C-alpha cells in the first residue's frame, strides 16, 4: 500500500519505519525541516533502539521518505495516519489538541478523492467527531473521507517490537460497515495474520483505550509504592510482598517493583488528561483515585530526597551527590517528567553539588537543566562524592563492579532508587547501601 504518516516525532517516525518494514510505500510528513533531513539520512533525532537500522534500510531503497509538504503527502496514497503530539495544556491537566487539529486542517483541503484518516495520537474521548467536522468542512472529497481510530501502545525502548508484534490491535470506526476497516485490515494484514488479537470497536472505545491502559499501569506502580510506605512503617519487606502478590495470576509480577516511580511523556500526562476529560463529562468521581496514584508517584521523589538527607546526617548544603541516570527509563534519551532529574533538580535547590551521568540522555538533560554538572563516565562521576544515587536502571550501571568505585568517593554510600543493584556485592565492596522503599 501507499500510505503517509503525519507527524514524525517519536510515535510517527517509528510507525513510518515499521510500515515500510511491513512492505508498504511510506511518506512521513513533518513541519520540522531539520527533523525531515535527519530522517531522510537514516537517523532519528531521538534515541530508540534499532530505529536507525530500519530508517537506514528503507530510506536507502526509497520505500520510505520524509517531506515537509502536505500536498506531497496527500497525493501519495489513500491512507493517512496522524501521529502528532498531544501534550498537556500549559497550566492545565487537559490535552492540548492544537497540533492534531492543525494537521487535520492542513491535510483536509488536499484530500480530493476517497481516503482514510487514521488517528494514532492519544486524545480525550469525543475527539473523533471534531476531526470529522473539520474534514467535512474542508476536504473536497467530503463524505468519502472516513475517520478511523488506531491507538498506539508503544513502550519506549521497545517501540519497534510493539509496532510489528503488538499484543493487540485496536481499530475504531463510526459504523460497522466502514470502508476504512477494509483499508486498515489490508495495511496491518501481516500483523493480523500472525495471530494478533484484533479488536474492532467504535470511536469512543478506541479513544479511551490508551488513557485507560496507562492509568491502570500507573495505578499498579503506585499501588506497590504505597505498600512500600506501609511496609516501612510496619517493618515488613515490600520486595517479598511484591513477589507474593505477583504469583497471583490475576495480578502478575510486571510493574510490581517498588522504587522511584514512573515518568515519561505518557503515563503522567495520560492519567491527568483522563481525569480532566472525565470531569468535563461529569464523571470525575469515577477517577478520583487517579489523583492519589499521581500523588503517590510524586511522593517517591520527595522520599528519595529525604533519604539522601538522612544518609548525609541531615545536612545537604555543599554536599556532593552523584546521580546515575537522567532518562525516565533505560534504553531511551527521553527525559520528560524524569524522576531522576526531578530529584537532581530538588537536591540542587537545597544546595547540593549534583553530578549526573547517563548513557544516552545527557544532551537533552543539559538543555533543560543547565544548573547541574554532567559527565559521560559513570565511574569518574563518583569522584569525591558524598553519596551515589542510582535512579535509572540502565544495565550499564548495574554491571559496574562496586570495588572499582569506593576509593574514589568521599564516603562510599549508595541509595538504590530502582532496586536493581546487588546490595550484598556492594556491601562486600565497602559500601553502605540503602534502597528506596526497602528495609
Protein backbone atom coordinates (compact mmCIF):
# COMPACT_ATOMS: atom_id res chain seq x y z
CA UNK A 1 0.00 0.00 0.00
CA UNK A 2 0.90 3.65 -0.35
CA UNK A 3 0.38 5.45 2.94
CA UNK A 4 1.50 8.51 4.85
CA UNK A 5 2.30 9.32 8.45
CA UNK A 6 1.62 12.92 9.51
CA UNK A 7 3.84 13.96 12.40
CA UNK A 8 7.26 12.32 12.69
CA UNK A 9 8.16 12.57 16.32
CA UNK A 10 8.71 9.50 18.46
CA UNK A 11 5.40 7.86 17.51
CA UNK A 12 5.22 8.91 13.87
CA UNK A 13 8.81 8.17 12.85
CA UNK A 14 8.64 4.75 14.46
CA UNK A 15 5.31 3.97 12.82
CA UNK A 16 6.54 5.10 9.41
CA UNK A 17 9.67 2.95 9.60
CA UNK A 18 7.68 -0.08 10.74
CA UNK A 19 5.08 0.32 8.00
CA UNK A 20 7.95 0.31 5.49
CA UNK A 21 9.27 -2.84 7.17
CA UNK A 22 5.87 -4.43 6.55
CA UNK A 23 6.34 -3.74 2.83
CA UNK A 24 4.37 -0.53 2.35
CA UNK A 25 5.46 2.54 0.38
CA UNK A 26 5.56 5.27 3.03
CA UNK A 27 5.92 9.04 3.16
CA UNK A 28 6.39 10.64 6.55
CA UNK A 29 5.44 14.29 6.81
CA UNK A 30 6.63 16.76 9.44
CA UNK A 31 6.86 20.56 9.51
CA UNK A 32 10.35 20.49 11.07
CA UNK A 33 12.81 20.64 8.17
CA UNK A 34 15.81 19.64 10.30
CA UNK A 35 13.95 16.57 11.53
CA UNK A 36 12.94 15.61 8.00
CA UNK A 37 16.53 15.99 6.78
CA UNK A 38 17.81 13.76 9.59
CA UNK A 39 15.17 11.09 8.95
CA UNK A 40 15.88 11.07 5.21
CA UNK A 41 19.54 10.45 6.04
CA UNK A 42 18.52 7.39 8.06
CA UNK A 43 18.93 8.95 11.52
CA UNK A 44 16.23 9.60 14.10
CA UNK A 45 16.53 12.89 16.05
CA UNK A 46 15.97 10.87 19.24
CA UNK A 47 17.17 7.51 20.53
CA UNK A 48 15.01 4.42 20.10
CA UNK A 49 16.61 1.01 19.97
CA UNK A 50 17.06 -0.32 16.39
CA UNK A 51 15.10 2.54 14.81
CA UNK A 52 18.11 3.92 12.92
CA UNK A 53 18.62 0.47 11.40
CA UNK A 54 15.11 0.46 9.94
CA UNK A 55 15.33 4.08 8.80
CA UNK A 56 18.62 3.50 7.00
CA UNK A 57 17.35 0.27 5.44
CA UNK A 58 14.17 1.70 3.97
CA UNK A 59 15.25 5.24 3.08
CA UNK A 60 18.08 3.64 1.07
CA UNK A 61 15.61 1.62 -1.02
CA UNK A 62 13.18 4.53 -1.48
CA UNK A 63 10.37 2.65 0.24
CA UNK A 64 10.44 5.28 2.97
CA UNK A 65 10.96 9.01 2.63
CA UNK A 66 10.11 12.13 4.58
CA UNK A 67 8.82 15.51 3.47
CA UNK A 68 7.60 18.84 4.82
CA UNK A 69 4.88 19.04 2.16
CA UNK A 70 1.25 18.29 2.98
CA UNK A 71 0.50 18.32 -0.74
CA UNK A 72 3.06 15.59 -1.41
CA UNK A 73 1.76 13.53 1.47
CA UNK A 74 -1.90 13.90 0.48
CA UNK A 75 -1.20 12.89 -3.10
CA UNK A 76 0.81 9.82 -2.09
CA UNK A 77 -1.97 7.45 -1.11
CA UNK A 78 -5.41 6.92 0.35
CA UNK A 79 -4.39 6.07 3.93
CA UNK A 80 -3.09 8.84 6.19
CA UNK A 81 -2.01 8.10 9.75
CA UNK A 82 -1.80 11.05 12.13
CA UNK A 83 0.67 10.72 14.98
CA UNK A 84 1.28 14.28 16.18
CA UNK A 85 1.90 15.12 19.81
CA UNK A 86 -0.93 15.92 22.22
CA UNK A 87 0.83 17.38 25.29
CA UNK A 88 -0.82 18.82 28.37
CA UNK A 89 -2.16 22.34 28.03
CA UNK A 90 0.04 24.87 29.75
CA UNK A 91 -1.07 25.19 33.36
CA UNK A 92 -3.81 22.55 32.98
CA UNK A 93 -4.26 18.78 33.10
CA UNK A 94 -6.22 18.52 29.84
CA UNK A 95 -4.74 17.50 26.49
CA UNK A 96 -3.67 20.21 24.08
CA UNK A 97 -5.09 19.19 20.68
CA UNK A 98 -3.67 22.16 18.78
CA UNK A 99 -1.23 20.07 16.74
CA UNK A 100 -3.84 17.45 15.92
CA UNK A 101 -6.46 19.86 14.64
CA UNK A 102 -3.83 21.86 12.78
CA UNK A 103 -2.64 18.73 10.98
CA UNK A 104 -6.20 17.77 10.02
CA UNK A 105 -6.97 21.28 8.77
CA UNK A 106 -3.85 21.37 6.60
CA UNK A 107 -4.39 17.87 5.22
CA UNK A 108 -8.13 18.23 4.55
CA UNK A 109 -8.14 20.69 1.58
CA UNK A 110 -5.77 18.35 -0.27
CA UNK A 111 -8.00 15.27 0.04
CA UNK A 112 -9.70 15.29 -3.35
CA UNK A 113 -10.51 11.57 -3.59
CA UNK A 114 -11.67 8.83 -1.18
CA UNK A 115 -9.26 8.45 1.75
CA UNK A 116 -8.95 7.15 5.29
CA UNK A 117 -7.58 9.37 8.06
CA UNK A 118 -6.43 7.07 10.89
CA UNK A 119 -5.56 8.91 14.10
CA UNK A 120 -2.96 7.38 16.41
CA UNK A 121 -2.45 10.35 18.73
CA UNK A 122 -3.66 9.99 22.31
CA UNK A 123 -6.74 12.17 22.79
CA UNK A 124 -9.67 12.76 25.15
CA UNK A 125 -12.72 10.68 24.33
CA UNK A 126 -15.06 12.54 21.97
CA UNK A 127 -12.33 13.90 19.69
CA UNK A 128 -13.23 11.84 16.60
CA UNK A 129 -16.44 13.78 15.76
CA UNK A 130 -14.44 17.03 15.92
CA UNK A 131 -11.97 15.60 13.39
CA UNK A 132 -14.85 14.54 11.15
CA UNK A 133 -16.34 18.06 11.31
CA UNK A 134 -13.08 19.59 10.07
CA UNK A 135 -12.77 17.06 7.25
CA UNK A 136 -16.35 17.58 6.10
CA UNK A 137 -15.85 21.34 6.09
CA UNK A 138 -12.51 21.47 4.28
CA UNK A 139 -11.97 18.20 2.33
CA UNK A 140 -13.12 18.32 -1.32
CA UNK A 141 -13.86 14.58 -1.11
CA UNK A 142 -16.35 15.27 1.71
CA UNK A 143 -18.11 12.15 3.00
CA UNK A 144 -15.73 9.96 1.03
CA UNK A 145 -13.05 10.67 3.64
CA UNK A 146 -13.52 8.28 6.55
CA UNK A 147 -12.03 8.59 10.02
CA UNK A 148 -10.57 5.65 11.95
CA UNK A 149 -9.04 5.50 15.41
CA UNK A 150 -5.94 3.33 15.84
CA UNK A 151 -4.40 3.95 19.29
CA UNK A 152 -0.77 3.09 19.93
CA UNK A 153 0.51 1.17 22.95
CA UNK A 154 4.24 1.67 22.49
CA UNK A 155 6.77 1.20 25.25
CA UNK A 156 9.80 3.40 24.74
CA UNK A 157 12.86 1.24 24.00
CA UNK A 158 10.50 -1.49 22.72
CA UNK A 159 8.61 0.61 20.18
CA UNK A 160 9.59 -1.35 17.07
CA UNK A 161 8.69 -4.67 18.65
CA UNK A 162 5.40 -3.23 19.91
CA UNK A 163 4.54 -1.93 16.42
CA UNK A 164 5.48 -5.02 14.43
CA UNK A 165 4.42 -7.60 17.04
CA UNK A 166 1.81 -5.86 19.20
CA UNK A 167 -0.10 -7.66 21.94
CA UNK A 168 -3.33 -6.24 20.49
CA UNK A 169 -4.54 -4.14 17.58
CA UNK A 170 -7.43 -1.72 18.17
CA UNK A 171 -9.41 -0.29 15.25
CA UNK A 172 -12.19 2.20 15.91
CA UNK A 173 -14.83 3.24 13.34
CA UNK A 174 -18.06 5.21 13.20
CA UNK A 175 -20.12 2.27 11.95
CA UNK A 176 -19.90 -1.48 11.44
CA UNK A 177 -19.96 -1.06 7.65
CA UNK A 178 -16.87 1.07 7.25
CA UNK A 179 -14.73 1.09 4.15
CA UNK A 180 -11.93 2.25 6.43
CA UNK A 181 -11.92 -1.14 8.18
CA UNK A 182 -11.02 -2.93 4.96
CA UNK A 183 -8.22 -0.44 4.31
CA UNK A 184 -6.69 -0.83 7.77
CA UNK A 185 -7.03 -4.60 7.71
CA UNK A 186 -5.07 -4.56 4.45
CA UNK A 187 -2.46 -2.27 5.98
CA UNK A 188 -2.00 -4.47 9.06
CA UNK A 189 -2.50 -7.72 7.15
CA UNK A 190 0.80 -9.33 8.18
CA UNK A 191 0.25 -8.41 11.81
CA UNK A 192 -3.30 -9.79 11.81
CA UNK A 193 -2.23 -12.97 10.00
CA UNK A 194 0.38 -13.54 12.71
CA UNK A 195 -2.48 -14.02 15.18
CA UNK A 196 -2.52 -10.62 16.85
CA UNK A 197 -5.81 -10.11 18.72
CA UNK A 198 -7.71 -7.50 16.70
CA UNK A 199 -10.50 -5.57 18.38
CA UNK A 200 -12.84 -3.66 16.07
CA UNK A 201 -14.89 -1.15 18.00
CA UNK A 202 -16.45 2.29 17.97
CA UNK A 203 -14.59 5.60 18.08
CA UNK A 204 -15.20 6.32 21.77
CA UNK A 205 -13.95 2.94 22.98
CA UNK A 206 -10.84 3.18 20.81
CA UNK A 207 -10.19 6.71 22.09
CA UNK A 208 -10.41 5.50 25.69
CA UNK A 209 -8.07 2.55 25.19
CA UNK A 210 -4.68 4.27 25.58
CA UNK A 211 -5.52 6.51 28.54
CA UNK A 212 -7.27 3.62 30.29
CA UNK A 213 -4.30 1.29 29.80
CA UNK A 214 -1.81 3.86 31.06
CA UNK A 215 -3.99 4.71 34.03
CA UNK A 216 -4.12 1.06 35.02
CA UNK A 217 -0.35 0.68 34.68
CA UNK A 218 0.23 3.82 36.72
CA UNK A 219 -2.12 2.55 39.39
CA UNK A 220 -0.24 -0.74 39.64
CA UNK A 221 3.11 1.04 40.05
CA UNK A 222 1.77 3.46 42.65
CA UNK A 223 0.00 0.63 44.49
CA UNK A 224 3.23 -1.23 45.21
CA UNK A 225 4.93 2.02 46.22
CA UNK A 226 2.04 2.73 48.61
CA UNK A 227 2.53 -0.76 50.05
CA UNK A 228 6.22 0.08 50.42
CA UNK A 229 5.30 3.00 52.67
CA UNK A 230 3.14 0.68 54.79
CA UNK A 231 5.91 -1.92 54.89
CA UNK A 232 8.42 0.70 56.04
CA UNK A 233 6.11 1.66 58.90
CA UNK A 234 5.45 -1.98 59.84
CA UNK A 235 8.98 -3.34 59.40
CA UNK A 236 7.95 -5.59 56.51
CA UNK A 237 9.79 -6.38 53.26
CA UNK A 238 8.00 -4.86 50.27
CA UNK A 239 10.17 -6.82 47.82
CA UNK A 240 8.91 -10.10 49.22
CA UNK A 241 5.38 -8.73 49.42
CA UNK A 242 5.50 -7.80 45.72
CA UNK A 243 6.71 -11.32 44.92
CA UNK A 244 3.86 -12.84 46.90
CA UNK A 245 1.27 -10.69 45.13
CA UNK A 246 2.81 -11.29 41.71
CA UNK A 247 2.26 -15.05 41.92
CA UNK A 248 -1.47 -14.37 41.73
CA UNK A 249 -2.21 -14.75 38.01
CA UNK A 250 -4.84 -12.02 38.27
CA UNK A 251 -2.15 -9.55 39.45
CA UNK A 252 1.16 -10.67 37.91
CA UNK A 253 4.74 -9.58 38.59
CA UNK A 254 5.15 -6.99 35.84
CA UNK A 255 5.07 -3.42 37.10
CA UNK A 256 5.20 -4.59 40.73
CA UNK A 257 8.74 -3.44 41.54
CA UNK A 258 8.81 -0.73 44.21
CA UNK A 259 11.07 2.24 43.60
CA UNK A 260 11.24 5.80 42.36
CA UNK A 261 8.06 5.50 40.30
CA UNK A 262 7.06 6.35 36.75
CA UNK A 263 7.75 9.28 34.46
CA UNK A 264 7.98 9.89 30.73
CA UNK A 265 5.69 11.54 28.23
CA UNK A 266 2.73 9.15 28.55
CA UNK A 267 1.73 7.86 31.99
CA UNK A 268 1.81 11.18 33.91
CA UNK A 269 0.17 13.10 31.06
CA UNK A 270 -2.45 10.46 30.33
CA UNK A 271 -3.72 9.98 33.87
CA UNK A 272 -4.09 13.76 34.25
CA UNK A 273 -5.72 14.15 30.84
CA UNK A 274 -8.05 11.24 31.60
CA UNK A 275 -9.14 12.87 34.85
CA UNK A 276 -9.67 16.22 33.11
CA UNK A 277 -11.88 14.70 30.42
CA UNK A 278 -13.87 12.70 32.97
CA UNK A 279 -14.57 15.98 34.75
CA UNK A 280 -15.83 17.56 31.53
CA UNK A 281 -18.16 14.58 31.06
CA UNK A 282 -19.45 14.80 34.63
CA UNK A 283 -17.80 11.51 35.57
CA UNK A 284 -14.93 12.94 37.60
CA UNK A 285 -15.82 10.98 40.77
CA UNK A 286 -15.11 7.74 38.91
CA UNK A 287 -11.45 8.67 38.55
CA UNK A 288 -10.67 10.46 41.82
CA UNK A 289 -8.40 7.55 42.77
CA UNK A 290 -6.03 8.63 39.99
CA UNK A 291 -5.23 11.78 41.94
CA UNK A 292 -3.81 9.62 44.70
CA UNK A 293 -1.98 7.49 42.12
CA UNK A 294 -0.31 10.67 40.87
CA UNK A 295 0.39 11.88 44.40
CA UNK A 296 1.96 8.58 45.47
CA UNK A 297 4.20 8.66 42.42
CA UNK A 298 5.40 12.20 43.09
CA UNK A 299 5.90 11.36 46.76
CA UNK A 300 8.60 8.83 45.85
CA UNK A 301 10.77 11.67 44.59
CA UNK A 302 10.37 13.50 47.88
CA UNK A 303 11.18 10.30 49.78
CA UNK A 304 14.41 9.93 47.81
CA UNK A 305 15.49 13.45 48.77
CA UNK A 306 14.60 12.76 52.41
CA UNK A 307 16.57 9.51 52.36
CA UNK A 308 19.58 11.31 50.86
CA UNK A 309 19.39 13.92 53.61
CA UNK A 310 19.21 11.16 56.24
CA UNK A 311 22.26 9.38 54.81
CA UNK A 312 24.24 12.61 54.95
CA UNK A 313 23.47 13.32 58.57
CA UNK A 314 20.63 15.76 57.99
CA UNK A 315 22.70 18.38 56.16
CA UNK A 316 22.70 18.66 52.37
CA UNK A 317 24.26 22.09 51.89
CA UNK A 318 27.55 21.87 49.99
CA UNK A 319 27.47 18.08 49.73
CA UNK A 320 28.46 16.30 46.52
CA UNK A 321 25.93 13.82 45.18
CA UNK A 322 26.35 11.76 42.01
CA UNK A 323 23.24 10.58 40.18
CA UNK A 324 23.31 7.61 37.86
CA UNK A 325 20.52 8.30 35.42
CA UNK A 326 18.82 11.17 33.61
CA UNK A 327 16.34 9.40 31.28
CA UNK A 328 12.98 8.48 32.78
CA UNK A 329 13.73 4.81 31.99
CA UNK A 330 16.62 2.85 30.45
CA UNK A 331 17.24 2.49 26.70
CA UNK A 332 15.84 5.90 25.81
CA UNK A 333 17.03 9.50 25.78
CA UNK A 334 13.59 10.75 26.83
CA UNK A 335 13.76 12.98 29.92
CA UNK A 336 10.13 14.10 30.01
CA UNK A 337 8.96 14.08 33.63
CA UNK A 338 12.09 12.14 34.55
CA UNK A 339 12.07 11.12 38.24
CA UNK A 340 15.89 11.13 38.23
CA UNK A 341 16.12 14.73 37.02
CA UNK A 342 13.33 15.83 39.34
CA UNK A 343 15.37 14.53 42.28
CA UNK A 344 18.55 16.08 40.86
CA UNK A 345 16.91 19.49 40.49
CA UNK A 346 15.44 19.42 44.01
CA UNK A 347 18.83 18.50 45.51
CA UNK A 348 20.45 21.36 43.60
CA UNK A 349 17.85 23.75 45.03
CA UNK A 350 18.83 22.51 48.51
CA UNK A 351 22.46 23.45 47.96
CA UNK A 352 23.87 20.14 46.74
CA UNK A 353 26.59 19.96 44.07
CA UNK A 354 24.94 17.45 41.73
CA UNK A 355 26.75 15.46 39.02
CA UNK A 356 24.58 13.45 36.59
CA UNK A 357 25.61 10.71 34.18
CA UNK A 358 23.54 8.76 31.64
CA UNK A 359 24.41 6.68 28.55
CA UNK A 360 22.01 8.47 26.18
CA UNK A 361 20.13 11.38 27.76
CA UNK A 362 22.83 13.87 28.74
CA UNK A 363 22.38 16.19 25.75
CA UNK A 364 18.66 16.52 26.48
CA UNK A 365 19.28 16.93 30.20
CA UNK A 366 21.82 19.72 29.65
CA UNK A 367 19.25 21.71 27.67
CA UNK A 368 16.58 21.58 30.35
CA UNK A 369 18.76 21.52 33.49
CA UNK A 370 21.89 23.57 32.78
CA UNK A 371 22.32 24.15 36.53
CA UNK A 372 23.57 20.57 37.02
CA UNK A 373 27.02 19.12 36.34
CA UNK A 374 27.35 16.28 33.81
CA UNK A 375 29.83 13.61 32.80
CA UNK A 376 29.70 10.71 30.36
CA UNK A 377 31.72 8.39 32.60
CA UNK A 378 29.75 6.80 35.48
CA UNK A 379 32.97 5.77 37.23
CA UNK A 380 34.58 9.21 37.05
CA UNK A 381 31.24 10.70 38.12
CA UNK A 382 31.60 9.37 41.69
CA UNK A 383 34.92 11.15 42.28
CA UNK A 384 34.80 12.82 45.73
CA UNK A 385 31.06 12.13 46.03
CA UNK A 386 29.47 12.06 49.47
CA UNK A 387 26.62 9.94 48.13
CA UNK A 388 25.68 7.99 44.99
CA UNK A 389 22.04 7.75 43.86
CA UNK A 390 21.07 5.04 41.36
CA UNK A 391 17.91 6.45 39.75
CA UNK A 392 17.64 4.99 36.22
CA UNK A 393 18.15 1.24 35.89
CA UNK A 394 20.48 1.19 32.88
CA UNK A 395 22.22 -2.20 32.60
CA UNK A 396 25.49 -0.30 32.15
CA UNK A 397 25.19 0.83 35.77
CA UNK A 398 24.24 -2.49 37.29
CA UNK A 399 27.21 -4.17 35.57
CA UNK A 400 29.81 -1.83 37.11
CA UNK A 401 31.87 -3.61 39.78
CA UNK A 402 31.44 -1.58 43.01
CA UNK A 403 35.00 -2.31 44.19
CA UNK A 404 36.18 -0.02 41.34
CA UNK A 405 34.34 2.92 42.88
CA UNK A 406 34.62 3.02 46.67
CA UNK A 407 38.12 4.53 46.82
CA UNK A 408 37.06 7.37 44.52
CA UNK A 409 34.32 8.66 46.81
CA UNK A 410 34.49 10.87 49.86
CA UNK A 411 32.18 8.38 51.59
CA UNK A 412 31.10 5.11 49.91
CA UNK A 413 27.34 5.40 50.35
CA UNK A 414 24.73 4.47 47.74
CA UNK A 415 20.94 4.64 47.61
CA UNK A 416 19.34 2.34 45.05
CA UNK A 417 16.18 4.02 43.80
CA UNK A 418 15.29 1.19 41.44
CA UNK A 419 16.06 -1.92 43.46
CA UNK A 420 18.30 -3.45 40.79
CA UNK A 421 21.78 -3.24 42.40
CA UNK A 422 23.12 -6.35 44.15
CA UNK A 423 23.19 -5.00 47.70
CA UNK A 424 25.35 -7.84 49.09
CA UNK A 425 28.02 -7.31 46.43
CA UNK A 426 28.10 -3.58 47.10
CA UNK A 427 28.34 -4.06 50.86
CA UNK A 428 31.20 -6.55 50.46
CA UNK A 429 32.99 -3.87 48.39
CA UNK A 430 32.81 -1.49 51.33
CA UNK A 431 29.65 0.45 50.55
CA UNK A 432 26.82 1.48 52.85
CA UNK A 433 23.72 0.53 50.88
CA UNK A 434 20.15 1.71 51.23
CA UNK A 435 17.27 1.13 48.81
CA UNK A 436 14.24 3.36 48.41
CA UNK A 437 11.16 1.73 49.97
CA UNK A 438 13.18 -1.20 51.27
CA UNK A 439 14.31 -2.06 54.84
